[in-house]
Protein backbone atom coordinates (compact mmCIF):
# COMPACT_ATOMS: atom_id res chain seq x y z
CA MET A 1 -6.65 21.79 -21.71
CA SER A 2 -5.70 20.64 -18.21
CA GLU A 3 -2.62 21.84 -16.36
CA ALA A 4 -0.95 18.44 -16.56
CA VAL A 5 -1.20 18.38 -20.34
CA ASP A 6 -0.08 22.02 -20.54
CA THR A 7 3.09 21.29 -18.60
CA LEU A 8 3.84 18.33 -20.85
CA ASP A 9 3.34 20.42 -23.99
CA LYS A 10 5.70 23.19 -22.86
CA LYS A 11 8.74 20.90 -22.68
CA ASP A 12 10.47 23.48 -20.47
CA LYS A 13 14.05 22.51 -19.69
CA GLY A 14 14.50 25.00 -16.86
CA GLY A 15 16.82 22.79 -14.88
CA VAL A 16 17.29 22.58 -11.16
CA GLY A 17 16.15 26.13 -10.45
CA THR A 18 12.79 25.54 -12.10
CA PHE A 19 12.40 22.26 -10.27
CA VAL A 20 13.07 23.90 -6.88
CA ARG A 21 10.69 26.79 -7.62
CA GLU A 22 7.89 24.46 -8.72
CA THR A 23 8.51 22.21 -5.72
CA ARG A 24 8.18 25.17 -3.35
CA GLU A 25 4.96 26.23 -5.09
CA GLU A 26 3.50 22.75 -4.60
CA LEU A 27 4.57 22.66 -0.94
CA ASN A 28 2.81 25.98 -0.36
CA LYS A 29 -0.43 24.34 -1.56
CA THR A 30 -0.25 21.60 1.07
CA THR A 31 -1.77 21.69 4.52
CA PHE A 32 -0.49 19.85 7.55
CA PRO A 33 -2.54 18.55 10.49
CA SER A 34 -2.48 20.45 13.74
CA SER A 35 -0.76 19.06 16.82
CA ASN A 36 -4.16 18.32 18.36
CA ASP A 37 -5.23 16.33 15.27
CA VAL A 38 -2.05 14.26 15.40
CA LYS A 39 -2.53 13.53 19.12
CA ASN A 40 -6.17 12.48 18.62
CA THR A 41 -5.30 10.24 15.68
CA THR A 42 -2.45 8.65 17.63
CA ILE A 43 -4.76 7.89 20.55
CA ILE A 44 -7.29 6.30 18.19
CA VAL A 45 -4.59 4.14 16.61
CA ILE A 46 -3.27 2.98 20.00
CA ILE A 47 -6.78 2.09 21.20
CA ASN A 48 -7.45 0.14 18.00
CA VAL A 49 -4.17 -1.76 18.26
CA ILE A 50 -4.92 -2.74 21.86
CA PHE A 51 -8.49 -3.77 20.97
CA PHE A 52 -7.43 -5.96 18.06
CA ALA A 53 -4.54 -7.47 20.03
CA ILE A 54 -6.96 -8.55 22.77
CA TYR A 55 -9.53 -9.73 20.20
CA LEU A 56 -7.01 -11.85 18.30
CA PHE A 57 -5.59 -13.23 21.55
CA LEU A 58 -9.06 -14.37 22.62
CA ILE A 59 -9.82 -15.87 19.21
CA ASP A 60 -6.50 -17.74 19.29
CA LYS A 61 -7.16 -19.09 22.78
CA GLY A 62 -10.69 -20.13 21.74
CA TRP A 63 -9.45 -22.04 18.69
CA THR A 64 -6.72 -23.66 20.77
CA TYR A 65 -9.34 -24.82 23.26
CA VAL A 66 -11.57 -26.20 20.47
CA LEU A 67 -8.73 -28.00 18.70
CA GLU A 68 -7.40 -29.51 21.92
CA GLY A 69 -10.93 -30.75 22.68
CA LEU A 70 -11.21 -32.31 19.23
CA THR A 71 -7.78 -33.92 19.62
CA TRP A 72 -8.79 -35.37 22.99
CA LEU A 73 -12.06 -36.68 21.49
CA VAL A 74 -10.33 -38.30 18.51
CA ASN A 75 -7.76 -39.89 20.84
CA LYS A 76 -10.56 -41.29 23.04
CA ILE A 77 -12.40 -42.68 20.01
CA ALA A 78 -9.20 -44.17 18.55
CA GLY A 79 -8.23 -45.58 21.94
CA ILE A 80 -4.90 -43.83 22.12
């Protein structure tokens, strides 16, 4: 039987003390990234944000140019 099912079957009502002990046990199982990993990931995120900001800016300017050209063409055809 798995651990999750075992803990449900026990129906232990240990209270706050049991909760704190089990929480500490779970926190001891976790690992945290090193400072170097956090710095590298942050740099990657900043570079990606800048890249996509420039990309979306250029796409927006391109569509604006195309739509203004179409508007000018329709106005010329309609004689406005």
